[in-house]
Amino acid sequence: MGDAQTLTQVMLLTGFLAEAGFGSATSEQLGAAERVIAKAFDIGRDSGRWSLDEDEFALFAQIATNYDQQLHRAPLWAITEASERLDRFTAGLPHQLPARKRA
């Protein structure tokens, strides 16, 4: 289950960074990934087998590649905010951060 959680975290962080203007993840791509990972969690909980088919793997490979590019290009403040949003999301708190003024 740890790998599935990691994929979920990467998916969420990719989306958060894209919302902040870093990266090219689309809502369609992230929505498809969310459905794939939800299916993997359902099957994995029931069977103990955690896997992705070829197309699902390709989708997450694109997301992981995008995330890698985001980490290279996004400023530290954006990565920190995305990480804080993920922490809030996993804690069940509202994950939208208040807008910050930028100098």
N, C-alpha and C. Protein backbone atom coordinates (compact mmCIF):
# COMPACT_ATOMS: atom_id res chain seq x y z
N MET A 1 0.82 -1.19 0.00
CA MET A 1 0.00 0.00 0.00
C MET A 1 0.86 1.25 0.00
N GLY A 2 2.09 1.17 0.49
CA GLY A 2 2.96 2.33 0.54
C GLY A 2 3.21 2.96 -0.82
N ASP A 3 3.40 2.11 -1.85
CA ASP A 3 3.62 2.64 -3.19
C ASP A 3 2.39 3.37 -3.71
N ALA A 4 1.21 2.83 -3.44
CA ALA A 4 -0.02 3.48 -3.87
C ALA A 4 -0.19 4.83 -3.17
N GLN A 5 0.18 4.89 -1.90
CA GLN A 5 0.11 6.17 -1.18
C GLN A 5 1.09 7.18 -1.76
N THR A 6 2.28 6.71 -2.12
CA THR A 6 3.27 7.60 -2.72
C THR A 6 2.77 8.13 -4.06
N LEU A 7 2.18 7.27 -4.88
CA LEU A 7 1.62 7.73 -6.15
C LEU A 7 0.52 8.76 -5.93
N THR A 8 -0.30 8.53 -4.92
CA THR A 8 -1.36 9.49 -4.60
C THR A 8 -0.77 10.83 -4.19
N GLN A 9 0.26 10.81 -3.35
CA GLN A 9 0.89 12.05 -2.92
C GLN A 9 1.52 12.79 -4.10
N VAL A 10 2.19 12.07 -4.98
CA VAL A 10 2.79 12.70 -6.16
C VAL A 10 1.70 13.31 -7.04
N MET A 11 0.59 12.59 -7.21
CA MET A 11 -0.52 13.10 -8.00
C MET A 11 -1.05 14.40 -7.41
N LEU A 12 -1.27 14.41 -6.09
CA LEU A 12 -1.79 15.61 -5.44
C LEU A 12 -0.81 16.77 -5.51
N LEU A 13 0.46 16.50 -5.22
CA LEU A 13 1.47 17.56 -5.28
C LEU A 13 1.60 18.13 -6.69
N THR A 14 1.54 17.27 -7.69
CA THR A 14 1.59 17.72 -9.08
C THR A 14 0.43 18.67 -9.37
N GLY A 15 -0.75 18.29 -8.91
CA GLY A 15 -1.93 19.14 -9.11
C GLY A 15 -1.81 20.47 -8.38
N PHE A 16 -1.34 20.44 -7.14
CA PHE A 16 -1.19 21.67 -6.37
C PHE A 16 -0.18 22.61 -7.04
N LEU A 17 0.94 22.06 -7.51
CA LEU A 17 1.95 22.89 -8.16
C LEU A 17 1.44 23.42 -9.50
N ALA A 18 0.68 22.62 -10.23
CA ALA A 18 0.10 23.09 -11.49
C ALA A 18 -0.89 24.22 -11.23
N GLU A 19 -1.70 24.10 -10.17
CA GLU A 19 -2.62 25.18 -9.81
C GLU A 19 -1.89 26.47 -9.49
N ALA A 20 -0.68 26.35 -8.96
CA ALA A 20 0.13 27.53 -8.62
C ALA A 20 0.86 28.08 -9.85
N GLY A 21 0.67 27.43 -11.00
CA GLY A 21 1.27 27.93 -12.24
C GLY A 21 2.56 27.24 -12.65
N PHE A 22 2.86 26.11 -12.03
CA PHE A 22 4.10 25.39 -12.34
C PHE A 22 3.75 24.01 -12.85
N GLY A 23 4.03 23.76 -14.12
CA GLY A 23 3.74 22.46 -14.71
C GLY A 23 2.50 22.49 -15.57
N SER A 24 2.31 21.41 -16.29
CA SER A 24 1.24 21.38 -17.28
C SER A 24 0.20 20.29 -17.02
N ALA A 25 0.05 19.86 -15.81
CA ALA A 25 -0.95 18.84 -15.50
C ALA A 25 -2.34 19.40 -15.74
N THR A 26 -3.18 18.63 -16.43
CA THR A 26 -4.54 19.07 -16.70
C THR A 26 -5.50 18.44 -15.69
N SER A 27 -6.65 19.06 -15.55
CA SER A 27 -7.65 18.50 -14.64
C SER A 27 -8.13 17.15 -15.16
N GLU A 28 -8.17 16.97 -16.49
CA GLU A 28 -8.58 15.68 -17.05
C GLU A 28 -7.57 14.59 -16.69
N GLN A 29 -6.28 14.92 -16.84
CA GLN A 29 -5.22 13.96 -16.52
C GLN A 29 -5.26 13.59 -15.03
N LEU A 30 -5.40 14.59 -14.17
CA LEU A 30 -5.42 14.33 -12.74
C LEU A 30 -6.69 13.61 -12.32
N GLY A 31 -7.81 13.93 -12.97
CA GLY A 31 -9.06 13.22 -12.68
C GLY A 31 -8.96 11.75 -13.06
N ALA A 32 -8.36 11.48 -14.22
CA ALA A 32 -8.16 10.09 -14.64
C ALA A 32 -7.24 9.36 -13.66
N ALA A 33 -6.19 10.04 -13.22
CA ALA A 33 -5.26 9.43 -12.26
C ALA A 33 -5.95 9.15 -10.93
N GLU A 34 -6.83 10.05 -10.53
CA GLU A 34 -7.56 9.85 -9.27
C GLU A 34 -8.45 8.61 -9.37
N ARG A 35 -9.10 8.44 -10.51
CA ARG A 35 -9.95 7.25 -10.69
C ARG A 35 -9.11 5.97 -10.70
N VAL A 36 -7.96 6.02 -11.35
CA VAL A 36 -7.07 4.86 -11.42
C VAL A 36 -6.59 4.47 -10.03
N ILE A 37 -6.14 5.45 -9.25
CA ILE A 37 -5.58 5.13 -7.93
C ILE A 37 -6.69 4.68 -6.98
N ALA A 38 -7.90 5.23 -7.12
CA ALA A 38 -9.02 4.77 -6.29
C ALA A 38 -9.32 3.30 -6.59
N LYS A 39 -9.30 2.94 -7.88
CA LYS A 39 -9.52 1.54 -8.26
C LYS A 39 -8.41 0.65 -7.70
N ALA A 40 -7.17 1.12 -7.78
CA ALA A 40 -6.04 0.33 -7.25
C ALA A 40 -6.18 0.12 -5.74
N PHE A 41 -6.62 1.17 -5.02
CA PHE A 41 -6.83 1.03 -3.58
C PHE A 41 -7.95 0.02 -3.29
N ASP A 42 -9.05 0.11 -4.03
CA ASP A 42 -10.17 -0.81 -3.81
C ASP A 42 -9.74 -2.26 -4.05
N ILE A 43 -9.10 -2.51 -5.16
CA ILE A 43 -8.66 -3.87 -5.49
C ILE A 43 -7.59 -4.33 -4.50
N GLY A 44 -6.67 -3.45 -4.17
CA GLY A 44 -5.58 -3.80 -3.26
C GLY A 44 -6.07 -4.15 -1.87
N ARG A 45 -7.05 -3.39 -1.38
CA ARG A 45 -7.59 -3.70 -0.04
C ARG A 45 -8.27 -5.06 -0.03
N ASP A 46 -8.99 -5.36 -1.11
CA ASP A 46 -9.73 -6.62 -1.17
C ASP A 46 -8.83 -7.82 -1.44
N SER A 47 -7.82 -7.64 -2.29
CA SER A 47 -7.03 -8.78 -2.74
C SER A 47 -5.61 -8.82 -2.19
N GLY A 48 -5.14 -7.68 -1.69
CA GLY A 48 -3.75 -7.60 -1.26
C GLY A 48 -2.79 -7.43 -2.43
N ARG A 49 -3.32 -7.29 -3.63
CA ARG A 49 -2.50 -7.12 -4.85
C ARG A 49 -2.64 -5.68 -5.33
N TRP A 50 -1.54 -4.97 -5.35
CA TRP A 50 -1.52 -3.56 -5.75
C TRP A 50 -0.82 -3.46 -7.09
N SER A 51 -1.54 -3.06 -8.12
CA SER A 51 -0.92 -2.99 -9.44
C SER A 51 -1.64 -1.99 -10.33
N LEU A 52 -0.94 -1.62 -11.41
CA LEU A 52 -1.49 -0.78 -12.46
C LEU A 52 -1.31 -1.53 -13.78
N ASP A 53 -2.28 -1.39 -14.69
CA ASP A 53 -2.06 -1.98 -16.01
C ASP A 53 -1.15 -1.05 -16.81
N GLU A 54 -0.86 -1.42 -18.05
CA GLU A 54 0.10 -0.67 -18.86
C GLU A 54 -0.32 0.79 -19.06
N ASP A 55 -1.59 1.01 -19.41
CA ASP A 55 -2.08 2.37 -19.64
C ASP A 55 -2.07 3.19 -18.35
N GLU A 56 -2.46 2.55 -17.25
CA GLU A 56 -2.46 3.24 -15.95
C GLU A 56 -1.03 3.60 -15.55
N PHE A 57 -0.10 2.68 -15.79
CA PHE A 57 1.30 2.95 -15.50
C PHE A 57 1.80 4.13 -16.32
N ALA A 58 1.45 4.16 -17.61
CA ALA A 58 1.87 5.26 -18.49
C ALA A 58 1.34 6.60 -17.99
N LEU A 59 0.10 6.61 -17.51
CA LEU A 59 -0.48 7.84 -16.97
C LEU A 59 0.33 8.33 -15.77
N PHE A 60 0.65 7.44 -14.85
CA PHE A 60 1.41 7.85 -13.67
C PHE A 60 2.87 8.15 -14.02
N ALA A 61 3.40 7.54 -15.07
CA ALA A 61 4.75 7.89 -15.52
C ALA A 61 4.78 9.33 -16.01
N GLN A 62 3.72 9.75 -16.72
CA GLN A 62 3.63 11.15 -17.17
C GLN A 62 3.54 12.09 -15.98
N ILE A 63 2.75 11.73 -15.00
CA ILE A 63 2.59 12.57 -13.81
C ILE A 63 3.91 12.66 -13.05
N ALA A 64 4.59 11.53 -12.89
CA ALA A 64 5.88 11.54 -12.17
C ALA A 64 6.92 12.37 -12.92
N THR A 65 6.92 12.28 -14.25
CA THR A 65 7.85 13.09 -15.05
C THR A 65 7.54 14.57 -14.89
N ASN A 66 6.27 14.91 -14.93
CA ASN A 66 5.85 16.30 -14.74
C ASN A 66 6.27 16.79 -13.35
N TYR A 67 6.06 15.96 -12.34
CA TYR A 67 6.42 16.33 -10.97
C TYR A 67 7.93 16.57 -10.86
N ASP A 68 8.72 15.72 -11.49
CA ASP A 68 10.17 15.90 -11.49
C ASP A 68 10.53 17.25 -12.11
N GLN A 69 9.89 17.59 -13.22
CA GLN A 69 10.14 18.88 -13.87
C GLN A 69 9.70 20.04 -12.97
N GLN A 70 8.57 19.87 -12.29
CA GLN A 70 8.10 20.91 -11.37
C GLN A 70 9.12 21.15 -10.27
N LEU A 71 9.68 20.08 -9.72
CA LEU A 71 10.66 20.22 -8.64
C LEU A 71 11.92 20.94 -9.11
N HIS A 72 12.24 20.81 -10.39
CA HIS A 72 13.40 21.51 -10.94
C HIS A 72 13.11 22.99 -11.20
N ARG A 73 11.86 23.32 -11.52
CA ARG A 73 11.54 24.67 -11.98
C ARG A 73 10.82 25.55 -10.95
N ALA A 74 10.03 24.95 -10.11
CA ALA A 74 9.23 25.75 -9.17
C ALA A 74 10.11 26.31 -8.05
N PRO A 75 9.82 27.53 -7.62
CA PRO A 75 10.57 28.08 -6.49
C PRO A 75 10.22 27.35 -5.19
N LEU A 76 11.10 27.47 -4.23
CA LEU A 76 10.92 26.76 -2.97
C LEU A 76 9.60 27.11 -2.30
N TRP A 77 9.17 28.37 -2.38
CA TRP A 77 7.91 28.75 -1.72
C TRP A 77 6.74 27.96 -2.29
N ALA A 78 6.74 27.71 -3.61
CA ALA A 78 5.64 26.97 -4.22
C ALA A 78 5.65 25.50 -3.79
N ILE A 79 6.84 24.93 -3.70
CA ILE A 79 6.96 23.54 -3.25
C ILE A 79 6.55 23.42 -1.79
N THR A 80 6.94 24.40 -0.98
CA THR A 80 6.57 24.40 0.44
C THR A 80 5.06 24.52 0.60
N GLU A 81 4.44 25.44 -0.16
CA GLU A 81 2.98 25.59 -0.08
C GLU A 81 2.26 24.31 -0.52
N ALA A 82 2.75 23.68 -1.58
CA ALA A 82 2.13 22.43 -2.04
C ALA A 82 2.25 21.35 -0.97
N SER A 83 3.40 21.28 -0.33
CA SER A 83 3.61 20.30 0.74
C SER A 83 2.69 20.57 1.93
N GLU A 84 2.53 21.85 2.28
CA GLU A 84 1.62 22.21 3.37
C GLU A 84 0.18 21.85 3.02
N ARG A 85 -0.21 22.07 1.76
CA ARG A 85 -1.56 21.70 1.33
C ARG A 85 -1.76 20.19 1.43
N LEU A 86 -0.74 19.42 1.05
CA LEU A 86 -0.82 17.97 1.15
C LEU A 86 -0.98 17.54 2.61
N ASP A 87 -0.20 18.15 3.50
CA ASP A 87 -0.31 17.83 4.93
C ASP A 87 -1.72 18.12 5.44
N ARG A 88 -2.28 19.26 5.04
CA ARG A 88 -3.64 19.61 5.47
C ARG A 88 -4.66 18.63 4.89
N PHE A 89 -4.48 18.28 3.63
CA PHE A 89 -5.39 17.34 2.97
C PHE A 89 -5.38 15.99 3.67
N THR A 90 -4.19 15.47 3.96
CA THR A 90 -4.10 14.15 4.60
C THR A 90 -4.59 14.18 6.04
N ALA A 91 -4.58 15.37 6.66
CA ALA A 91 -5.11 15.50 8.02
C ALA A 91 -6.62 15.72 8.02
N GLY A 92 -7.21 15.82 6.83
CA GLY A 92 -8.65 16.02 6.74
C GLY A 92 -9.08 17.46 6.95
N LEU A 93 -8.14 18.38 6.83
CA LEU A 93 -8.43 19.80 6.99
C LEU A 93 -8.62 20.44 5.62
N PRO A 94 -9.24 21.62 5.57
CA PRO A 94 -9.33 22.31 4.27
C PRO A 94 -7.92 22.51 3.72
N HIS A 95 -7.72 22.11 2.46
CA HIS A 95 -6.36 22.16 1.93
C HIS A 95 -6.06 23.40 1.10
N GLN A 96 -7.03 24.29 0.96
CA GLN A 96 -6.77 25.55 0.28
C GLN A 96 -6.07 26.48 1.25
N LEU A 97 -4.94 27.01 0.84
CA LEU A 97 -4.23 27.99 1.67
C LEU A 97 -4.73 29.37 1.34
N PRO A 98 -4.74 30.28 2.30
CA PRO A 98 -5.14 31.65 1.99
C PRO A 98 -4.16 32.26 0.99
N ALA A 99 -4.67 33.16 0.16
CA ALA A 99 -3.82 33.81 -0.83
C ALA A 99 -2.76 34.65 -0.13
N ARG A 100 -1.55 34.57 -0.66
CA ARG A 100 -0.45 35.36 -0.10
C ARG A 100 -0.14 36.51 -1.03
N LYS A 101 0.29 37.60 -0.44
CA LYS A 101 0.77 38.71 -1.25
C LYS A 101 2.21 38.43 -1.63
N ARG A 102 2.52 38.66 -2.86
CA ARG A 102 3.88 38.46 -3.35
C ARG A 102 4.51 39.82 -3.63
N ALA A 103 5.78 39.94 -3.27
CA ALA A 103 6.49 41.20 -3.51
C ALA A 103 6.88 41.31 -4.96
